[in-house]
C-alpha cells in the first residue's frame, strides 16, 4: 500500500506488514510529518502531526529554476 504526502504529493510506500497502521509517517522528500491511520487496508485518517510544523520553503518565490526559463512567447 502507498499513500501520497499531502504537502508535496510524493508517493510514500507503507510497508508496515499487515493492513493496519496507526502512527506518524514522515515524507522522505519534504520531511513533513503526518498522523496516519489505516484499518483493513483503507485510509481512515491522514492529518498534520500536531508536534511538527510544516517544513517552510527555504527559497523565496520566484527564486527557483523556473524563474530562469524564458516564457514561450518571449519577454513581456
Protein backbone atom coordinates (compact mmCIF):
# COMPACT_ATOMS: atom_id res chain seq x y z
CA UNK A 1 0.00 0.00 0.00
CA UNK A 2 1.20 3.52 -0.67
CA UNK A 3 -0.04 7.00 0.29
CA UNK A 4 0.64 10.44 -1.16
CA UNK A 5 2.13 13.16 1.02
CA UNK A 6 -0.45 15.94 1.21
CA UNK A 7 2.31 18.55 1.47
CA UNK A 8 4.34 17.70 -1.66
CA UNK A 9 2.46 14.82 -3.35
CA UNK A 10 5.33 12.33 -3.17
CA UNK A 11 4.27 8.66 -3.13
CA UNK A 12 5.05 7.08 0.26
CA UNK A 13 5.18 3.28 0.46
CA UNK A 14 3.54 1.98 3.61
CA UNK A 15 5.19 -1.42 4.10
CA UNK A 16 4.44 -1.94 7.78
CA UNK A 17 3.21 -5.50 7.37
CA UNK A 18 -0.47 -6.30 7.66
CA UNK A 19 -3.30 -4.00 6.71
CA UNK A 20 -3.50 -1.90 9.90
CA UNK A 21 -1.20 1.01 10.81
CA UNK A 22 -1.55 3.90 13.24
CA UNK A 23 1.12 6.49 13.89
CA UNK A 24 3.34 9.21 12.44
CA UNK A 25 4.60 8.99 8.87
CA UNK A 26 7.45 11.22 7.65
CA UNK A 27 7.79 12.12 3.98
CA UNK A 28 11.28 11.33 2.69
CA UNK A 29 11.19 14.26 0.26
CA UNK A 30 9.77 17.27 2.14
CA UNK A 31 10.40 15.87 5.68
CA UNK A 32 6.92 16.83 6.92
CA UNK A 33 5.16 14.51 9.38
CA UNK A 34 1.57 13.29 9.11
CA UNK A 35 -0.51 11.21 11.51
CA UNK A 36 -1.91 8.24 9.61
CA UNK A 37 -4.45 5.58 10.50
CA UNK A 38 -5.05 2.68 8.12
CA UNK A 39 -7.56 -0.01 9.07
CA UNK A 40 -8.19 -3.14 7.00
CA UNK A 41 -6.26 -1.64 4.10
CA UNK A 42 -8.34 1.56 3.96
CA UNK A 43 -7.05 5.03 4.82
CA UNK A 44 -9.16 6.32 7.73
CA UNK A 45 -7.20 9.38 8.94
CA UNK A 46 -4.38 11.49 7.49
CA UNK A 47 -3.69 14.76 9.28
CA UNK A 48 -0.75 17.07 10.03
CA UNK A 49 1.20 15.95 13.07
CA UNK A 50 0.48 18.37 15.94
CA UNK A 51 4.08 18.16 17.22
CA UNK A 52 5.67 19.12 13.89
CA UNK A 53 5.12 22.27 11.90
CA UNK A 54 5.31 22.07 8.10
CA UNK A 55 8.78 22.43 6.63
CA UNK A 56 8.97 26.02 5.33
CA UNK A 57 10.13 26.55 1.76
CA UNK A 58 13.68 27.94 2.08
CA UNK A 59 13.62 29.65 -1.32
CA UNK A 60 11.66 32.88 -1.81
CA UNK A 61 9.02 32.96 -4.53
CA UNK A 62 10.48 33.36 -8.00
CA UNK A 63 13.97 32.30 -6.93
CA UNK A 64 13.74 28.72 -8.21
CA UNK A 65 14.96 27.36 -11.56
CA UNK A 66 11.56 28.07 -13.17
CA UNK A 67 12.26 31.80 -12.77
CA UNK A 68 15.24 31.45 -15.14
CA UNK A 69 13.34 29.80 -18.01
CA UNK A 70 12.00 32.31 -20.57
CA UNK A 71 8.32 32.11 -21.37
CA UNK A 72 7.41 30.62 -24.80
CA UNK A 73 6.08 33.96 -26.07
CA UNK A 74 9.25 35.82 -25.14
CA UNK A 75 9.64 38.58 -22.54
CA UNK A 76 6.65 40.77 -21.80
